[in-house]
All heavy atoms as atom14 arrays in JSON, in Angstrom:
{
  "sequence": "LLMLDEPSLGLAPRVVRTLYEKLHLLHRRGLTLVIVEQYV",
  "atom14_mask": [
    [1, 1, 1, 1, 1, 1, 1, 1, 0, 0, 0, 0, 0, 0],
    [1, 1, 1, 1, 1, 1, 1, 1, 0, 0, 0, 0, 0, 0],
    [1, 1, 1, 1, 1, 1, 1, 1, 0, 0, 0, 0, 0, 0],
    [1, 1, 1, 1, 1, 1, 1, 1, 0, 0, 0, 0, 0, 0],
    [1, 1, 1, 1, 1, 1, 1, 1, 0, 0, 0, 0, 0, 0],
    [1, 1, 1, 1, 1, 1, 1, 1, 1, 0, 0, 0, 0, 0],
    [1, 1, 1, 1, 1, 1, 1, 0, 0, 0, 0, 0, 0, 0],
    [1, 1, 1, 1, 1, 1, 0, 0, 0, 0, 0, 0, 0, 0],
    [1, 1, 1, 1, 1, 1, 1, 1, 0, 0, 0, 0, 0, 0],
    [1, 1, 1, 1, 0, 0, 0, 0, 0, 0, 0, 0, 0, 0],
    [1, 1, 1, 1, 1, 1, 1, 1, 0, 0, 0, 0, 0, 0],
    [1, 1, 1, 1, 1, 0, 0, 0, 0, 0, 0, 0, 0, 0],
    [1, 1, 1, 1, 1, 1, 1, 0, 0, 0, 0, 0, 0, 0],
    [1, 1, 1, 1, 1, 1, 1, 1, 1, 1, 1, 0, 0, 0],
    [1, 1, 1, 1, 1, 1, 1, 0, 0, 0, 0, 0, 0, 0],
    [1, 1, 1, 1, 1, 1, 1, 0, 0, 0, 0, 0, 0, 0],
    [1, 1, 1, 1, 1, 1, 1, 1, 1, 1, 1, 0, 0, 0],
    [1, 1, 1, 1, 1, 1, 1, 0, 0, 0, 0, 0, 0, 0],
    [1, 1, 1, 1, 1, 1, 1, 1, 0, 0, 0, 0, 0, 0],
    [1, 1, 1, 1, 1, 1, 1, 1, 1, 1, 1, 1, 0, 0],
    [1, 1, 1, 1, 1, 1, 1, 1, 1, 0, 0, 0, 0, 0],
    [1, 1, 1, 1, 1, 1, 1, 1, 1, 0, 0, 0, 0, 0],
    [1, 1, 1, 1, 1, 1, 1, 1, 0, 0, 0, 0, 0, 0],
    [1, 1, 1, 1, 1, 1, 1, 1, 1, 1, 0, 0, 0, 0],
    [1, 1, 1, 1, 1, 1, 1, 1, 0, 0, 0, 0, 0, 0],
    [1, 1, 1, 1, 1, 1, 1, 1, 0, 0, 0, 0, 0, 0],
    [1, 1, 1, 1, 1, 1, 1, 1, 1, 1, 0, 0, 0, 0],
    [1, 1, 1, 1, 1, 1, 1, 1, 1, 1, 1, 0, 0, 0],
    [1, 1, 1, 1, 1, 1, 1, 1, 1, 1, 1, 0, 0, 0],
    [1, 1, 1, 1, 0, 0, 0, 0, 0, 0, 0, 0, 0, 0],
    [1, 1, 1, 1, 1, 1, 1, 1, 0, 0, 0, 0, 0, 0],
    [1, 1, 1, 1, 1, 1, 1, 0, 0, 0, 0, 0, 0, 0],
    [1, 1, 1, 1, 1, 1, 1, 1, 0, 0, 0, 0, 0, 0],
    [1, 1, 1, 1, 1, 1, 1, 0, 0, 0, 0, 0, 0, 0],
    [1, 1, 1, 1, 1, 1, 1, 1, 0, 0, 0, 0, 0, 0],
    [1, 1, 1, 1, 1, 1, 1, 0, 0, 0, 0, 0, 0, 0],
    [1, 1, 1, 1, 1, 1, 1, 1, 1, 0, 0, 0, 0, 0],
    [1, 1, 1, 1, 1, 1, 1, 1, 1, 0, 0, 0, 0, 0],
    [1, 1, 1, 1, 1, 1, 1, 1, 1, 1, 1, 1, 0, 0],
    [1, 1, 1, 1, 1, 1, 1, 0, 0, 0, 0, 0, 0, 0]
  ],
  "atom14_positions": [
    [[194.95, 87.82, 81.54], [195.55, 89.15, 81.46], [194.74, 89.98, 80.48], [194.61, 89.62, 79.31], [197.0, 89.05, 80.99], [197.7, 90.38, 80.64], [197.87, 91.24, 81.89], [199.06, 90.11, 79.99], [0.0, 0.0, 0.0], [0.0, 0.0, 0.0], [0.0, 0.0, 0.0], [0.0, 0.0, 0.0], [0.0, 0.0, 0.0], [0.0, 0.0, 0.0]],
    [[194.18, 91.08, 80.97], [193.41, 91.99, 80.12], [194.19, 93.3, 79.97], [194.51, 93.95, 80.96], [192.04, 92.28, 80.73], [191.13, 93.23, 79.94], [190.74, 92.6, 78.61], [189.89, 93.59, 80.75], [0.0, 0.0, 0.0], [0.0, 0.0, 0.0], [0.0, 0.0, 0.0], [0.0, 0.0, 0.0], [0.0, 0.0, 0.0], [0.0, 0.0, 0.0]],
    [[194.48, 93.67, 78.72], [195.19, 94.9, 78.42], [194.22, 95.87, 77.76], [193.47, 95.5, 76.85], [196.38, 94.62, 77.5], [197.39, 93.65, 78.1], [198.8, 93.33, 77.01], [198.01, 92.33, 75.74], [0.0, 0.0, 0.0], [0.0, 0.0, 0.0], [0.0, 0.0, 0.0], [0.0, 0.0, 0.0], [0.0, 0.0, 0.0], [0.0, 0.0, 0.0]],
    [[194.23, 97.11, 78.22], [193.3, 98.12, 77.71], [194.1, 99.32, 77.23], [194.92, 99.88, 77.97], [192.32, 98.55, 78.8], [191.47, 97.44, 79.41], [191.97, 97.11, 80.81], [189.99, 97.83, 79.46], [0.0, 0.0, 0.0], [0.0, 0.0, 0.0], [0.0, 0.0, 0.0], [0.0, 0.0, 0.0], [0.0, 0.0, 0.0], [0.0, 0.0, 0.0]],
    [[193.83, 99.73, 75.99], [194.55, 100.84, 75.38], [193.62, 102.06, 75.3], [192.67, 102.08, 74.53], [195.02, 100.44, 73.98], [196.03, 101.44, 73.39], [196.34, 102.43, 74.06], [196.49, 101.2, 72.27], [0.0, 0.0, 0.0], [0.0, 0.0, 0.0], [0.0, 0.0, 0.0], [0.0, 0.0, 0.0], [0.0, 0.0, 0.0], [0.0, 0.0, 0.0]],
    [[193.9, 103.05, 76.15], [193.15, 104.3, 76.19], [191.64, 104.06, 76.32], [190.84, 104.52, 75.49], [193.43, 105.14, 74.94], [194.89, 105.48, 74.72], [195.42, 106.55, 75.68], [194.66, 106.99, 76.57], [196.6, 106.93, 75.54], [0.0, 0.0, 0.0], [0.0, 0.0, 0.0], [0.0, 0.0, 0.0], [0.0, 0.0, 0.0], [0.0, 0.0, 0.0]],
    [[191.2, 103.38, 77.38], [189.76, 103.09, 77.51], [188.9, 104.34, 77.67], [187.7, 104.29, 77.39], [189.69, 102.2, 78.75], [190.93, 102.49, 79.51], [191.97, 102.78, 78.47], [0.0, 0.0, 0.0], [0.0, 0.0, 0.0], [0.0, 0.0, 0.0], [0.0, 0.0, 0.0], [0.0, 0.0, 0.0], [0.0, 0.0, 0.0], [0.0, 0.0, 0.0]],
    [[189.49, 105.46, 78.1], [188.7, 106.68, 78.3], [188.61, 107.55, 77.06], [187.95, 108.59, 77.07], [189.3, 107.5, 79.45], [190.55, 108.06, 79.07], [0.0, 0.0, 0.0], [0.0, 0.0, 0.0], [0.0, 0.0, 0.0], [0.0, 0.0, 0.0], [0.0, 0.0, 0.0], [0.0, 0.0, 0.0], [0.0, 0.0, 0.0], [0.0, 0.0, 0.0]],
    [[189.25, 107.15, 75.97], [189.37, 107.99, 74.78], [188.01, 108.42, 74.26], [187.15, 107.62, 73.94], [190.12, 107.23, 73.68], [190.44, 108.02, 72.4], [191.45, 109.12, 72.7], [190.98, 107.08, 71.32], [0.0, 0.0, 0.0], [0.0, 0.0, 0.0], [0.0, 0.0, 0.0], [0.0, 0.0, 0.0], [0.0, 0.0, 0.0], [0.0, 0.0, 0.0]],
    [[187.81, 109.74, 74.16], [186.6, 110.29, 73.58], [185.37, 110.22, 74.44], [184.27, 110.51, 73.96], [0.0, 0.0, 0.0], [0.0, 0.0, 0.0], [0.0, 0.0, 0.0], [0.0, 0.0, 0.0], [0.0, 0.0, 0.0], [0.0, 0.0, 0.0], [0.0, 0.0, 0.0], [0.0, 0.0, 0.0], [0.0, 0.0, 0.0], [0.0, 0.0, 0.0]],
    [[185.5, 109.85, 75.71], [184.35, 109.69, 76.59], [184.23, 110.87, 77.56], [185.23, 111.43, 78.01], [184.45, 108.39, 77.37], [184.58, 107.1, 76.55], [184.63, 105.9, 77.47], [183.44, 106.97, 75.54], [0.0, 0.0, 0.0], [0.0, 0.0, 0.0], [0.0, 0.0, 0.0], [0.0, 0.0, 0.0], [0.0, 0.0, 0.0], [0.0, 0.0, 0.0]],
    [[183.0, 111.19, 77.92], [182.74, 112.24, 78.91], [183.23, 111.77, 80.28], [183.23, 110.56, 80.57], [181.25, 112.55, 78.96], [0.0, 0.0, 0.0], [0.0, 0.0, 0.0], [0.0, 0.0, 0.0], [0.0, 0.0, 0.0], [0.0, 0.0, 0.0], [0.0, 0.0, 0.0], [0.0, 0.0, 0.0], [0.0, 0.0, 0.0], [0.0, 0.0, 0.0]],
    [[183.64, 112.71, 81.15], [184.15, 112.33, 82.48], [183.2, 111.42, 83.26], [183.65, 110.49, 83.93], [184.34, 113.68, 83.17], [184.63, 114.63, 82.06], [183.78, 114.15, 80.91], [0.0, 0.0, 0.0], [0.0, 0.0, 0.0], [0.0, 0.0, 0.0], [0.0, 0.0, 0.0], [0.0, 0.0, 0.0], [0.0, 0.0, 0.0], [0.0, 0.0, 0.0]],
    [[181.9, 111.67, 83.19], [180.94, 110.83, 83.91], [180.99, 109.4, 83.41], [180.93, 108.44, 84.2], [179.53, 111.42, 83.74], [178.43, 110.56, 84.34], [177.06, 111.17, 84.06], [176.84, 111.37, 82.64], [176.43, 110.4, 81.81], [176.23, 109.16, 82.27], [176.23, 110.66, 80.53], [0.0, 0.0, 0.0], [0.0, 0.0, 0.0], [0.0, 0.0, 0.0]],
    [[181.11, 109.23, 82.11], [181.16, 107.89, 81.52], [182.48, 107.21, 81.89], [182.52, 106.0, 82.17], [181.01, 107.97, 79.99], [181.1, 106.58, 79.36], [179.69, 108.63, 79.62], [0.0, 0.0, 0.0], [0.0, 0.0, 0.0], [0.0, 0.0, 0.0], [0.0, 0.0, 0.0], [0.0, 0.0, 0.0], [0.0, 0.0, 0.0], [0.0, 0.0, 0.0]],
    [[183.57, 107.98, 81.92], [184.87, 107.44, 82.32], [184.8, 106.89, 83.74], [185.29, 105.79, 84.03], [185.97, 108.51, 82.2], [187.29, 107.98, 82.78], [186.17, 108.92, 80.75], [0.0, 0.0, 0.0], [0.0, 0.0, 0.0], [0.0, 0.0, 0.0], [0.0, 0.0, 0.0], [0.0, 0.0, 0.0], [0.0, 0.0, 0.0], [0.0, 0.0, 0.0]],
    [[184.18, 107.64, 84.63], [184.07, 107.17, 86.03], [183.29, 105.86, 86.11], [183.68, 104.94, 86.84], [183.41, 108.25, 86.89], [184.31, 109.44, 87.17], [183.73, 110.33, 88.26], [182.48, 110.97, 87.83], [182.43, 112.14, 87.2], [183.55, 112.79, 86.92], [181.27, 112.66, 86.87], [0.0, 0.0, 0.0], [0.0, 0.0, 0.0], [0.0, 0.0, 0.0]],
    [[182.19, 105.79, 85.35], [181.41, 104.55, 85.35], [182.23, 103.38, 84.81], [182.2, 102.27, 85.37], [180.14, 104.73, 84.48], [179.34, 105.77, 85.04], [179.33, 103.44, 84.42], [0.0, 0.0, 0.0], [0.0, 0.0, 0.0], [0.0, 0.0, 0.0], [0.0, 0.0, 0.0], [0.0, 0.0, 0.0], [0.0, 0.0, 0.0], [0.0, 0.0, 0.0]],
    [[182.96, 103.63, 83.75], [183.78, 102.59, 83.14], [184.84, 102.1, 84.13], [185.07, 100.88, 84.27], [184.44, 103.12, 81.88], [185.16, 102.12, 80.99], [184.17, 101.12, 80.4], [185.91, 102.84, 79.89], [0.0, 0.0, 0.0], [0.0, 0.0, 0.0], [0.0, 0.0, 0.0], [0.0, 0.0, 0.0], [0.0, 0.0, 0.0], [0.0, 0.0, 0.0]],
    [[185.48, 103.03, 84.83], [186.52, 102.64, 85.77], [185.95, 101.91, 86.99], [186.63, 101.08, 87.59], [187.36, 103.85, 86.17], [188.59, 103.99, 85.3], [188.53, 104.7, 84.1], [189.78, 103.37, 85.63], [189.64, 104.8, 83.27], [190.9, 103.46, 84.81], [190.83, 104.18, 83.64], [191.93, 104.26, 82.81], [0.0, 0.0, 0.0], [0.0, 0.0, 0.0]],
    [[184.7, 102.18, 87.33], [184.07, 101.4, 88.39], [184.01, 99.92, 87.99], [184.24, 99.03, 88.82], [182.66, 101.93, 88.66], [182.64, 103.27, 89.38], [181.23, 103.85, 89.46], [180.28, 103.16, 89.0], [181.09, 104.97, 89.96], [0.0, 0.0, 0.0], [0.0, 0.0, 0.0], [0.0, 0.0, 0.0], [0.0, 0.0, 0.0], [0.0, 0.0, 0.0]],
    [[183.72, 99.67, 86.72], [183.68, 98.28, 86.23], [185.08, 97.67, 86.24], [185.25, 96.48, 86.58], [183.11, 98.24, 84.82], [181.73, 98.87, 84.67], [180.68, 98.14, 85.47], [179.29, 98.72, 85.16], [178.22, 98.02, 85.94], [0.0, 0.0, 0.0], [0.0, 0.0, 0.0], [0.0, 0.0, 0.0], [0.0, 0.0, 0.0], [0.0, 0.0, 0.0]],
    [[186.1, 98.45, 85.89], [187.47, 97.93, 85.9], [187.93, 97.64, 87.32], [188.64, 96.66, 87.57], [188.4, 98.92, 85.21], [188.14, 99.16, 83.72], [189.13, 100.17, 83.16], [188.21, 97.86, 82.93], [0.0, 0.0, 0.0], [0.0, 0.0, 0.0], [0.0, 0.0, 0.0], [0.0, 0.0, 0.0], [0.0, 0.0, 0.0], [0.0, 0.0, 0.0]],
    [[187.54, 98.49, 88.27], [187.85, 98.22, 89.68], [187.23, 96.89, 90.1], [187.87, 96.1, 90.81], [187.33, 99.35, 90.57], [188.23, 100.54, 90.67], [189.29, 100.6, 91.56], [188.25, 101.71, 89.98], [189.9, 101.76, 91.43], [189.3, 102.46, 90.47], [0.0, 0.0, 0.0], [0.0, 0.0, 0.0], [0.0, 0.0, 0.0], [0.0, 0.0, 0.0]],
    [[186.01, 96.64, 89.66], [185.33, 95.39, 90.01], [186.06, 94.19, 89.44], [186.3, 93.18, 90.13], [183.89, 95.42, 89.51], [183.05, 94.17, 89.75], [182.96, 93.85, 91.24], [181.65, 94.35, 89.16], [0.0, 0.0, 0.0], [0.0, 0.0, 0.0], [0.0, 0.0, 0.0], [0.0, 0.0, 0.0], [0.0, 0.0, 0.0], [0.0, 0.0, 0.0]],
    [[186.49, 94.28, 88.18], [187.24, 93.19, 87.57], [188.55, 92.95, 88.31], [188.96, 91.79, 88.52], [187.54, 93.51, 86.1], [186.34, 93.48, 85.15], [186.74, 94.02, 83.78], [185.78, 92.07, 85.02], [0.0, 0.0, 0.0], [0.0, 0.0, 0.0], [0.0, 0.0, 0.0], [0.0, 0.0, 0.0], [0.0, 0.0, 0.0], [0.0, 0.0, 0.0]],
    [[189.21, 94.03, 88.72], [190.47, 93.89, 89.47], [190.23, 93.22, 90.81], [190.99, 92.33, 91.22], [191.09, 95.27, 89.64], [192.41, 95.27, 90.34], [193.33, 94.25, 90.19], [192.99, 96.15, 91.21], [194.41, 94.51, 90.92], [194.22, 95.64, 91.55], [0.0, 0.0, 0.0], [0.0, 0.0, 0.0], [0.0, 0.0, 0.0], [0.0, 0.0, 0.0]],
    [[189.16, 93.62, 91.51], [188.86, 93.0, 92.81], [188.54, 91.52, 92.65], [188.77, 90.72, 93.57], [187.68, 93.72, 93.48], [188.03, 95.1, 94.0], [186.96, 95.61, 94.96], [185.66, 95.76, 94.33], [185.25, 96.88, 93.73], [186.05, 97.94, 93.67], [184.05, 96.94, 93.18], [0.0, 0.0, 0.0], [0.0, 0.0, 0.0], [0.0, 0.0, 0.0]],
    [[188.03, 91.13, 91.48], [187.73, 89.71, 91.23], [188.99, 88.91, 90.88], [188.91, 87.7, 90.69], [186.72, 89.6, 90.09], [185.32, 90.08, 90.47], [184.37, 89.99, 89.27], [183.01, 90.38, 89.62], [182.0, 90.48, 88.76], [182.22, 90.19, 87.47], [180.8, 90.84, 89.16], [0.0, 0.0, 0.0], [0.0, 0.0, 0.0], [0.0, 0.0, 0.0]],
    [[190.13, 89.59, 90.76], [191.39, 88.89, 90.56], [191.94, 88.91, 89.16], [192.95, 88.26, 88.88], [0.0, 0.0, 0.0], [0.0, 0.0, 0.0], [0.0, 0.0, 0.0], [0.0, 0.0, 0.0], [0.0, 0.0, 0.0], [0.0, 0.0, 0.0], [0.0, 0.0, 0.0], [0.0, 0.0, 0.0], [0.0, 0.0, 0.0], [0.0, 0.0, 0.0]],
    [[191.3, 89.65, 88.24], [191.81, 89.72, 86.87], [193.03, 90.63, 86.82], [193.04, 91.73, 87.38], [190.72, 90.26, 85.94], [191.05, 90.31, 84.45], [191.37, 88.92, 83.91], [189.9, 90.94, 83.67], [0.0, 0.0, 0.0], [0.0, 0.0, 0.0], [0.0, 0.0, 0.0], [0.0, 0.0, 0.0], [0.0, 0.0, 0.0], [0.0, 0.0, 0.0]],
    [[194.08, 90.17, 86.16], [195.3, 90.96, 85.99], [195.07, 91.97, 84.86], [194.58, 91.62, 83.79], [196.49, 90.05, 85.65], [196.58, 89.03, 86.66], [197.78, 90.84, 85.62], [0.0, 0.0, 0.0], [0.0, 0.0, 0.0], [0.0, 0.0, 0.0], [0.0, 0.0, 0.0], [0.0, 0.0, 0.0], [0.0, 0.0, 0.0], [0.0, 0.0, 0.0]],
    [[195.45, 93.23, 85.12], [195.17, 94.31, 84.18], [196.44, 95.09, 83.83], [197.28, 95.33, 84.69], [194.17, 95.3, 84.77], [192.79, 94.77, 85.2], [192.02, 95.85, 85.92], [192.01, 94.27, 84.0], [0.0, 0.0, 0.0], [0.0, 0.0, 0.0], [0.0, 0.0, 0.0], [0.0, 0.0, 0.0], [0.0, 0.0, 0.0], [0.0, 0.0, 0.0]],
    [[196.55, 95.48, 82.57], [197.53, 96.46, 82.13], [196.75, 97.55, 81.4], [196.04, 97.25, 80.44], [198.61, 95.87, 81.21], [199.56, 96.97, 80.72], [199.4, 94.79, 81.93], [0.0, 0.0, 0.0], [0.0, 0.0, 0.0], [0.0, 0.0, 0.0], [0.0, 0.0, 0.0], [0.0, 0.0, 0.0], [0.0, 0.0, 0.0], [0.0, 0.0, 0.0]],
    [[196.89, 98.79, 81.86], [196.1, 99.88, 81.3], [197.03, 100.96, 80.77], [197.88, 101.49, 81.5], [195.16, 100.48, 82.37], [194.26, 99.4, 82.94], [194.35, 101.62, 81.78], [193.44, 99.86, 84.1], [0.0, 0.0, 0.0], [0.0, 0.0, 0.0], [0.0, 0.0, 0.0], [0.0, 0.0, 0.0], [0.0, 0.0, 0.0], [0.0, 0.0, 0.0]],
    [[196.88, 101.27, 79.5], [197.55, 102.41, 78.88], [196.55, 103.55, 78.88], [195.41, 103.38, 78.44], [197.99, 102.06, 77.45], [198.11, 103.31, 76.59], [199.31, 101.31, 77.47], [0.0, 0.0, 0.0], [0.0, 0.0, 0.0], [0.0, 0.0, 0.0], [0.0, 0.0, 0.0], [0.0, 0.0, 0.0], [0.0, 0.0, 0.0], [0.0, 0.0, 0.0]],
    [[196.97, 104.7, 79.39], [195.98, 105.74, 79.61], [196.6, 107.13, 79.68], [197.68, 107.31, 80.26], [195.24, 105.43, 80.92], [194.08, 106.33, 81.27], [192.92, 106.24, 80.29], [193.03, 106.88, 79.22], [191.92, 105.57, 80.61], [0.0, 0.0, 0.0], [0.0, 0.0, 0.0], [0.0, 0.0, 0.0], [0.0, 0.0, 0.0], [0.0, 0.0, 0.0]],
    [[195.9, 108.11, 79.08], [196.24, 109.51, 79.29], [195.46, 110.08, 80.47], [195.84, 111.1, 81.03], [195.93, 110.33, 78.04], [196.8, 110.0, 76.84], [196.49, 110.9, 75.67], [196.68, 112.11, 75.74], [196.0, 110.32, 74.6], [0.0, 0.0, 0.0], [0.0, 0.0, 0.0], [0.0, 0.0, 0.0], [0.0, 0.0, 0.0], [0.0, 0.0, 0.0]],
    [[194.37, 109.44, 80.84], [193.56, 109.86, 81.98], [194.27, 109.35, 83.25], [193.87, 108.39, 83.88], [192.17, 109.24, 81.86], [191.03, 110.07, 82.41], [190.26, 110.86, 81.57], [190.72, 110.05, 83.76], [189.2, 111.6, 82.07], [189.67, 110.79, 84.26], [188.91, 111.56, 83.41], [187.85, 112.29, 83.9], [0.0, 0.0, 0.0], [0.0, 0.0, 0.0]],
    [[195.35, 110.06, 83.6], [196.34, 109.53, 84.54], [195.74, 109.28, 85.92], [196.02, 108.25, 86.55], [197.55, 110.49, 84.63], [198.51, 110.04, 85.71], [198.25, 110.56, 83.28], [0.0, 0.0, 0.0], [0.0, 0.0, 0.0], [0.0, 0.0, 0.0], [0.0, 0.0, 0.0], [0.0, 0.0, 0.0], [0.0, 0.0, 0.0], [0.0, 0.0, 0.0]]
  ]
}
């Protein structure tokens, strides 16, 4: 179980998109995720 608290905090939108691509990959690999986020 991986929990992430505001992973987009202080990052440019382009960087946020790249970061979320990695999180999508982790999710597709079967990792359970809990994400706290203002970047709704």
